[in-house]
Structures are given as C-alpha cells and as structure tokens.
Amino acid sequence: MAGELEPKKSNVIESTRDYLNDIRSEMKRVTWPSRERVQSTTLVVIVSVFIFAAYFKVVDTILTRTVVAAESALAKR
C-alpha cells in the first residue's frame, strides 16, 4: 500500500526525456497573442509608466516643498 504512493524510480535520462516531452506538449497548447495585441498592450504599459512617473514627481515635489517649509519655519523659532 505504501509502495503505491512512492514515485517510480527511473534513471535521469528517462526523467529528463519525460520532462522535456511534457514541456513540448504544454507549449503546443499555449494560445499566443497576436503581434498587434502585444504591441498595443506594450504601448499601454509604457504610457502608464510615464503617467505614474509624472504623478509621483508631482507628489514628491509637493512633499519636498512642504517639508522644507516646515523645517525652515521650525528653525526660525
């Protein structure tokens, strides 16, 4: 009974061959996106990155000016 749960021991070459055959089989089932789809989603990602970068730059500038103003106000006391 316990022997049924143990994996069958085979040599390294057979294991590697089985693994590569499984990979080949899975890769045949993959639905690959079209070139147009990849280009459009890539463009969306690039534009989104620039929008977020601009947003974080604005927030960083506001926070920096606020901290500097608060620091200089406290230093005058």
PDB file of N, CA and C in Angstrom:
ATOM      1  N   MET A   1       0.809  -1.191   0.000  1.00  0.00           N
ATOM      2  CA  MET A   1       0.000   0.000   0.000  1.00  0.00           C
ATOM      3  C   MET A   1       0.859   1.264   0.000  1.00  0.00           C
ATOM      4  N   ALA A   2       1.861   1.314   0.862  1.00  0.00           N
ATOM      5  CA  ALA A   2       2.727   2.484   0.903  1.00  0.00           C
ATOM      6  C   ALA A   2       3.548   2.597  -0.371  1.00  0.00           C
ATOM      7  N   GLY A   3       3.819   1.472  -1.003  1.00  0.00           N
ATOM      8  CA  GLY A   3       4.585   1.480  -2.237  1.00  0.00           C
ATOM      9  C   GLY A   3       3.852   2.132  -3.384  1.00  0.00           C
ATOM     10  N   GLU A   4       2.528   2.153  -3.322  1.00  0.00           N
ATOM     11  CA  GLU A   4       1.751   2.778  -4.397  1.00  0.00           C
ATOM     12  C   GLU A   4       1.932   4.291  -4.412  1.00  0.00           C
ATOM     13  N   LEU A   5       2.191   4.906  -3.262  1.00  0.00           N
ATOM     14  CA  LEU A   5       2.328   6.349  -3.166  1.00  0.00           C
ATOM     15  C   LEU A   5       3.725   6.829  -3.515  1.00  0.00           C
ATOM     16  N   GLU A   6       4.699   5.951  -3.439  1.00  0.00           N
ATOM     17  CA  GLU A   6       6.069   6.343  -3.758  1.00  0.00           C
ATOM     18  C   GLU A   6       6.217   6.508  -5.266  1.00  0.00           C
ATOM     19  N   PRO A   7       6.921   7.567  -5.694  1.00  0.00           N
ATOM     20  CA  PRO A   7       7.130   7.737  -7.138  1.00  0.00           C
ATOM     21  C   PRO A   7       8.023   6.633  -7.681  1.00  0.00           C
ATOM     22  N   LYS A   8       7.767   6.265  -8.901  1.00  0.00           N
ATOM     23  CA  LYS A   8       8.594   5.244  -9.537  1.00  0.00           C
ATOM     24  C   LYS A   8       9.979   5.816  -9.793  1.00  0.00           C
ATOM     25  N   LYS A   9      10.975   5.025  -9.465  1.00  0.00           N
ATOM     26  CA  LYS A   9      12.349   5.481  -9.673  1.00  0.00           C
ATOM     27  C   LYS A   9      12.782   5.089 -11.074  1.00  0.00           C
ATOM     28  N   SER A  10      13.230   6.086 -11.822  1.00  0.00           N
ATOM     29  CA  SER A  10      13.777   5.821 -13.148  1.00  0.00           C
ATOM     30  C   SER A  10      15.095   6.577 -13.254  1.00  0.00           C
ATOM     31  N   ASN A  11      15.802   6.315 -14.295  1.00  0.00           N
ATOM     32  CA  ASN A  11      17.098   6.969 -14.396  1.00  0.00           C
ATOM     33  C   ASN A  11      16.932   8.425 -14.842  1.00  0.00           C
ATOM     34  N   VAL A  12      17.985   9.148 -14.747  1.00  0.00           N
ATOM     35  CA  VAL A  12      17.979  10.581 -15.022  1.00  0.00           C
ATOM     36  C   VAL A  12      17.625  10.854 -16.478  1.00  0.00           C
ATOM     37  N   ILE A  13      18.080  10.069 -17.386  1.00  0.00           N
ATOM     38  CA  ILE A  13      17.823  10.297 -18.812  1.00  0.00           C
ATOM     39  C   ILE A  13      16.335  10.154 -19.115  1.00  0.00           C
ATOM     40  N   GLU A  14      15.695   9.125 -18.560  1.00  0.00           N
ATOM     41  CA  GLU A  14      14.258   8.945 -18.783  1.00  0.00           C
ATOM     42  C   GLU A  14      13.459  10.080 -18.152  1.00  0.00           C
ATOM     43  N   SER A  15      13.840  10.496 -16.966  1.00  0.00           N
ATOM     44  CA  SER A  15      13.149  11.595 -16.290  1.00  0.00           C
ATOM     45  C   SER A  15      13.263  12.886 -17.095  1.00  0.00           C
ATOM     46  N   THR A  16      14.459  13.147 -17.596  1.00  0.00           N
ATOM     47  CA  THR A  16      14.687  14.349 -18.392  1.00  0.00           C
ATOM     48  C   THR A  16      13.894  14.289 -19.690  1.00  0.00           C
ATOM     49  N   ARG A  17      13.870  13.150 -20.331  1.00  0.00           N
ATOM     50  CA  ARG A  17      13.123  12.984 -21.575  1.00  0.00           C
ATOM     51  C   ARG A  17      11.623  13.192 -21.330  1.00  0.00           C
ATOM     52  N   ASP A  18      11.102  12.612 -20.252  1.00  0.00           N
ATOM     53  CA  ASP A  18       9.692  12.797 -19.916  1.00  0.00           C
ATOM     54  C   ASP A  18       9.373  14.266 -19.644  1.00  0.00           C
ATOM     55  N   TYR A  19      10.256  14.913 -18.910  1.00  0.00           N
ATOM     56  CA  TYR A  19      10.068  16.325 -18.591  1.00  0.00           C
ATOM     57  C   TYR A  19      10.035  17.177 -19.861  1.00  0.00           C
ATOM     58  N   LEU A  20      10.975  16.961 -20.752  1.00  0.00           N
ATOM     59  CA  LEU A  20      11.025  17.733 -21.998  1.00  0.00           C
ATOM     60  C   LEU A  20       9.823  17.441 -22.885  1.00  0.00           C
ATOM     61  N   ASN A  21       9.364  16.192 -22.906  1.00  0.00           N
ATOM     62  CA  ASN A  21       8.155  15.860 -23.673  1.00  0.00           C
ATOM     63  C   ASN A  21       6.926  16.550 -23.094  1.00  0.00           C
ATOM     64  N   ASP A  22       6.846  16.622 -21.763  1.00  0.00           N
ATOM     65  CA  ASP A  22       5.737  17.333 -21.124  1.00  0.00           C
ATOM     66  C   ASP A  22       5.768  18.816 -21.460  1.00  0.00           C
ATOM     67  N   ILE A  23       6.949  19.399 -21.462  1.00  0.00           N
ATOM     68  CA  ILE A  23       7.078  20.818 -21.813  1.00  0.00           C
ATOM     69  C   ILE A  23       6.638  21.042 -23.257  1.00  0.00           C
ATOM     70  N   ARG A  24       7.103  20.197 -24.162  1.00  0.00           N
ATOM     71  CA  ARG A  24       6.736  20.316 -25.575  1.00  0.00           C
ATOM     72  C   ARG A  24       5.217  20.209 -25.745  1.00  0.00           C
ATOM     73  N   SER A  25       4.605  19.286 -25.028  1.00  0.00           N
ATOM     74  CA  SER A  25       3.159  19.094 -25.100  1.00  0.00           C
ATOM     75  C   SER A  25       2.411  20.327 -24.580  1.00  0.00           C
ATOM     76  N   GLU A  26       2.863  20.878 -23.468  1.00  0.00           N
ATOM     77  CA  GLU A  26       2.220  22.071 -22.907  1.00  0.00           C
ATOM     78  C   GLU A  26       2.389  23.285 -23.813  1.00  0.00           C
ATOM     79  N   MET A  27       3.552  23.429 -24.414  1.00  0.00           N
ATOM     80  CA  MET A  27       3.799  24.585 -25.279  1.00  0.00           C
ATOM     81  C   MET A  27       2.918  24.546 -26.526  1.00  0.00           C
ATOM     82  N   LYS A  28       2.518  23.375 -26.964  1.00  0.00           N
ATOM     83  CA  LYS A  28       1.622  23.272 -28.117  1.00  0.00           C
ATOM     84  C   LYS A  28       0.212  23.736 -27.769  1.00  0.00           C
ATOM     85  N   ARG A  29      -0.143  23.681 -26.488  1.00  0.00           N
ATOM     86  CA  ARG A  29      -1.484  24.084 -26.050  1.00  0.00           C
ATOM     87  C   ARG A  29      -1.595  25.576 -25.733  1.00  0.00           C
ATOM     88  N   VAL A  30      -0.486  26.271 -25.692  1.00  0.00           N
ATOM     89  CA  VAL A  30      -0.489  27.691 -25.351  1.00  0.00           C
ATOM     90  C   VAL A  30      -1.122  28.493 -26.482  1.00  0.00           C
ATOM     91  N   THR A  31      -1.978  29.440 -26.108  1.00  0.00           N
ATOM     92  CA  THR A  31      -2.539  30.364 -27.086  1.00  0.00           C
ATOM     93  C   THR A  31      -1.712  31.639 -27.034  1.00  0.00           C
ATOM     94  N   TRP A  32      -0.935  31.867 -28.072  1.00  0.00           N
ATOM     95  CA  TRP A  32      -0.038  33.012 -28.093  1.00  0.00           C
ATOM     96  C   TRP A  32      -0.782  34.237 -28.608  1.00  0.00           C
ATOM     97  N   PRO A  33      -0.520  35.430 -28.037  1.00  0.00           N
ATOM     98  CA  PRO A  33      -1.177  36.647 -28.522  1.00  0.00           C
ATOM     99  C   PRO A  33      -0.629  37.056 -29.884  1.00  0.00           C
ATOM    100  N   SER A  34      -1.450  37.803 -30.603  1.00  0.00           N
ATOM    101  CA  SER A  34      -1.002  38.283 -31.906  1.00  0.00           C
ATOM    102  C   SER A  34       0.010  39.415 -31.722  1.00  0.00           C
ATOM    103  N   ARG A  35       0.710  39.723 -32.785  1.00  0.00           N
ATOM    104  CA  ARG A  35       1.709  40.807 -32.731  1.00  0.00           C
ATOM    105  C   ARG A  35       1.044  42.142 -32.408  1.00  0.00           C
ATOM    106  N   GLU A  36      -0.126  42.380 -32.996  1.00  0.00           N
ATOM    107  CA  GLU A  36      -0.849  43.635 -32.753  1.00  0.00           C
ATOM    108  C   GLU A  36      -1.249  43.751 -31.284  1.00  0.00           C
ATOM    109  N   ARG A  37      -1.688  42.641 -30.714  1.00  0.00           N
ATOM    110  CA  ARG A  37      -2.101  42.640 -29.304  1.00  0.00           C
ATOM    111  C   ARG A  37      -0.910  42.953 -28.397  1.00  0.00           C
ATOM    112  N   VAL A  38       0.225  42.348 -28.683  1.00  0.00           N
ATOM    113  CA  VAL A  38       1.434  42.592 -27.886  1.00  0.00           C
ATOM    114  C   VAL A  38       1.861  44.051 -28.000  1.00  0.00           C
ATOM    115  N   GLN A  39       1.814  44.592 -29.216  1.00  0.00           N
ATOM    116  CA  GLN A  39       2.210  45.986 -29.413  1.00  0.00           C
ATOM    117  C   GLN A  39       1.275  46.938 -28.678  1.00  0.00           C
ATOM    118  N   SER A  40      -0.022  46.676 -28.733  1.00  0.00           N
ATOM    119  CA  SER A  40      -0.970  47.586 -28.082  1.00  0.00           C
ATOM    120  C   SER A  40      -0.844  47.516 -26.561  1.00  0.00           C
ATOM    121  N   THR A  41      -0.696  46.322 -26.011  1.00  0.00           N
ATOM    122  CA  THR A  41      -0.558  46.235 -24.562  1.00  0.00           C
ATOM    123  C   THR A  41       0.785  46.800 -24.094  1.00  0.00           C
ATOM    124  N   THR A  42       1.819  46.650 -24.899  1.00  0.00           N
ATOM    125  CA  THR A  42       3.109  47.245 -24.563  1.00  0.00           C
ATOM    126  C   THR A  42       3.008  48.762 -24.538  1.00  0.00           C
ATOM    127  N   LEU A  43       2.302  49.323 -25.500  1.00  0.00           N
ATOM    128  CA  LEU A  43       2.108  50.770 -25.539  1.00  0.00           C
ATOM    129  C   LEU A  43       1.346  51.250 -24.307  1.00  0.00           C
ATOM    130  N   VAL A  44       0.319  50.514 -23.901  1.00  0.00           N
ATOM    131  CA  VAL A  44      -0.438  50.875 -22.711  1.00  0.00           C
ATOM    132  C   VAL A  44       0.462  50.864 -21.481  1.00  0.00           C
ATOM    133  N   VAL A  45       1.321  49.867 -21.363  1.00  0.00           N
ATOM    134  CA  VAL A  45       2.228  49.775 -20.219  1.00  0.00           C
ATOM    135  C   VAL A  45       3.202  50.945 -20.209  1.00  0.00           C
ATOM    136  N   ILE A  46       3.776  51.267 -21.356  1.00  0.00           N
ATOM    137  CA  ILE A  46       4.751  52.361 -21.422  1.00  0.00           C
ATOM    138  C   ILE A  46       4.094  53.690 -21.076  1.00  0.00           C
ATOM    139  N   VAL A  47       2.924  53.954 -21.619  1.00  0.00           N
ATOM    140  CA  VAL A  47       2.208  55.198 -21.316  1.00  0.00           C
ATOM    141  C   VAL A  47       1.853  55.253 -19.830  1.00  0.00           C
ATOM    142  N   SER A  48       1.401  54.138 -19.283  1.00  0.00           N
ATOM    143  CA  SER A  48       1.042  54.089 -17.858  1.00  0.00           C
ATOM    144  C   SER A  48       2.254  54.380 -16.979  1.00  0.00           C
ATOM    145  N   VAL A  49       3.395  53.853 -17.345  1.00  0.00           N
ATOM    146  CA  VAL A  49       4.609  54.087 -16.563  1.00  0.00           C
ATOM    147  C   VAL A  49       4.952  55.578 -16.557  1.00  0.00           C
ATOM    148  N   PHE A  50       4.853  56.232 -17.711  1.00  0.00           N
ATOM    149  CA  PHE A  50       5.148  57.664 -17.761  1.00  0.00           C
ATOM    150  C   PHE A  50       4.128  58.482 -16.976  1.00  0.00           C
ATOM    151  N   ILE A  51       2.866  58.102 -17.019  1.00  0.00           N
ATOM    152  CA  ILE A  51       1.839  58.816 -16.248  1.00  0.00           C
ATOM    153  C   ILE A  51       2.107  58.674 -14.750  1.00  0.00           C
ATOM    154  N   PHE A  52       2.394  57.454 -14.304  1.00  0.00           N
ATOM    155  CA  PHE A  52       2.705  57.255 -12.883  1.00  0.00           C
ATOM    156  C   PHE A  52       3.979  57.978 -12.481  1.00  0.00           C
ATOM    157  N   ALA A  53       4.976  58.005 -13.348  1.00  0.00           N
ATOM    158  CA  ALA A  53       6.226  58.713 -13.039  1.00  0.00           C
ATOM    159  C   ALA A  53       5.951  60.204 -12.860  1.00  0.00           C
ATOM    160  N   ALA A  54       5.133  60.781 -13.741  1.00  0.00           N
ATOM    161  CA  ALA A  54       4.788  62.201 -13.622  1.00  0.00           C
ATOM    162  C   ALA A  54       4.015  62.461 -12.339  1.00  0.00           C
ATOM    163  N   TYR A  55       3.068  61.569 -12.023  1.00  0.00           N
ATOM    164  CA  TYR A  55       2.282  61.716 -10.797  1.00  0.00           C
ATOM    165  C   TYR A  55       3.183  61.687  -9.565  1.00  0.00           C
ATOM    166  N   PHE A  56       4.081  60.713  -9.504  1.00  0.00           N
ATOM    167  CA  PHE A  56       4.971  60.615  -8.349  1.00  0.00           C
ATOM    168  C   PHE A  56       5.951  61.788  -8.276  1.00  0.00           C
ATOM    169  N   LYS A  57       6.339  62.324  -9.408  1.00  0.00           N
ATOM    170  CA  LYS A  57       7.206  63.507  -9.409  1.00  0.00           C
ATOM    171  C   LYS A  57       6.474  64.695  -8.799  1.00  0.00           C
ATOM    172  N   VAL A  58       5.205  64.871  -9.184  1.00  0.00           N
ATOM    173  CA  VAL A  58       4.409  65.979  -8.633  1.00  0.00           C
ATOM    174  C   VAL A  58       4.226  65.800  -7.124  1.00  0.00           C
ATOM    175  N   VAL A  59       3.869  64.605  -6.695  1.00  0.00           N
ATOM    176  CA  VAL A  59       3.674  64.346  -5.271  1.00  0.00           C
ATOM    177  C   VAL A  59       4.987  64.546  -4.515  1.00  0.00           C
ATOM    178  N   ASP A  60       6.091  64.085  -5.065  1.00  0.00           N
ATOM    179  CA  ASP A  60       7.389  64.246  -4.427  1.00  0.00           C
ATOM    180  C   ASP A  60       7.751  65.719  -4.290  1.00  0.00           C
ATOM    181  N   THR A  61       7.496  66.481  -5.329  1.00  0.00           N
ATOM    182  CA  THR A  61       7.799  67.919  -5.285  1.00  0.00           C
ATOM    183  C   THR A  61       6.967  68.615  -4.218  1.00  0.00           C
ATOM    184  N   ILE A  62       5.684  68.295  -4.157  1.00  0.00           N
ATOM    185  CA  ILE A  62       4.806  68.906  -3.150  1.00  0.00           C
ATOM    186  C   ILE A  62       5.268  68.537  -1.744  1.00  0.00           C
ATOM    187  N   LEU A  63       5.553  67.267  -1.515  1.00  0.00           N
ATOM    188  CA  LEU A  63       6.007  66.846  -0.192  1.00  0.00           C
ATOM    189  C   LEU A  63       7.356  67.460   0.177  1.00  0.00           C
ATOM    190  N   THR A  64       8.244  67.550  -0.782  1.00  0.00           N
ATOM    191  CA  THR A  64       9.553  68.150  -0.512  1.00  0.00           C
ATOM    192  C   THR A  64       9.409  69.607  -0.117  1.00  0.00           C
ATOM    193  N   ARG A  65       8.619  70.355  -0.868  1.00  0.00           N
ATOM    194  CA  ARG A  65       8.411  71.776  -0.536  1.00  0.00           C
ATOM    195  C   ARG A  65       7.735  71.935   0.809  1.00  0.00           C
ATOM    196  N   THR A  66       6.799  71.052   1.127  1.00  0.00           N
ATOM    197  CA  THR A  66       6.112  71.128   2.416  1.00  0.00           C
ATOM    198  C   THR A  66       7.072  70.856   3.562  1.00  0.00           C
ATOM    199  N   VAL A  67       7.888  69.854   3.436  1.00  0.00           N
ATOM    200  CA  VAL A  67       8.849  69.510   4.496  1.00  0.00           C
ATOM    201  C   VAL A  67       9.887  70.614   4.650  1.00  0.00           C
ATOM    202  N   VAL A  68      10.384  71.149   3.551  1.00  0.00           N
ATOM    203  CA  VAL A  68      11.372  72.232   3.626  1.00  0.00           C
ATOM    204  C   VAL A  68      10.764  73.460   4.271  1.00  0.00           C
ATOM    205  N   ALA A  69       9.528  73.792   3.920  1.00  0.00           N
ATOM    206  CA  ALA A  69       8.866  74.954   4.506  1.00  0.00           C
ATOM    207  C   ALA A  69       8.653  74.733   6.006  1.00  0.00           C
ATOM    208  N   ALA A  70       8.214  73.552   6.386  1.00  0.00           N
ATOM    209  CA  ALA A  70       8.006  73.256   7.798  1.00  0.00           C
ATOM    210  C   ALA A  70       9.326  73.270   8.562  1.00  0.00           C
ATOM    211  N   GLU A  71      10.346  72.768   7.964  1.00  0.00           N
ATOM    212  CA  GLU A  71      11.674  72.733   8.595  1.00  0.00           C
ATOM    213  C   GLU A  71      12.210  74.145   8.808  1.00  0.00           C
ATOM    214  N   SER A  72      12.055  74.975   7.793  1.00  0.00           N
ATOM    215  CA  SER A  72      12.564  76.338   7.931  1.00  0.00           C
ATOM    216  C   SER A  72      11.705  77.139   8.923  1.00  0.00           C
ATOM    217  N   ALA A  73      10.414  76.858   9.000  1.00  0.00           N
ATOM    218  CA  ALA A  73       9.562  77.538   9.968  1.00  0.00           C
ATOM    219  C   ALA A  73       9.926  77.134  11.389  1.00  0.00           C
ATOM    220  N   LEU A  74      10.238  75.870  11.572  1.00  0.00           N
ATOM    221  CA  LEU A  74      10.630  75.414  12.905  1.00  0.00           C
ATOM    222  C   LEU A  74      12.028  75.882  13.280  1.00  0.00           C
ATOM    223  N   ALA A  75      12.901  76.070  12.306  1.00  0.00           N
ATOM    224  CA  ALA A  75      14.277  76.504  12.582  1.00  0.00           C
ATOM    225  C   ALA A  75      14.313  77.964  13.006  1.00  0.00           C
ATOM    226  N   LYS A  76      13.341  78.765  12.590  1.00  0.00           N
ATOM    227  CA  LYS A  76      13.309  80.177  12.941  1.00  0.00           C
ATOM    228  C   LYS A  76      12.889  80.400  14.386  1.00  0.00           C
ATOM    229  N   ARG A  77      12.292  79.425  15.001  1.00  0.00           N
ATOM    230  CA  ARG A  77      11.814  79.592  16.378  1.00  0.00           C
ATOM    231  C   ARG A  77      12.923  79.574  17.360  1.00  0.00           C
TER     232      ARG A  77
END
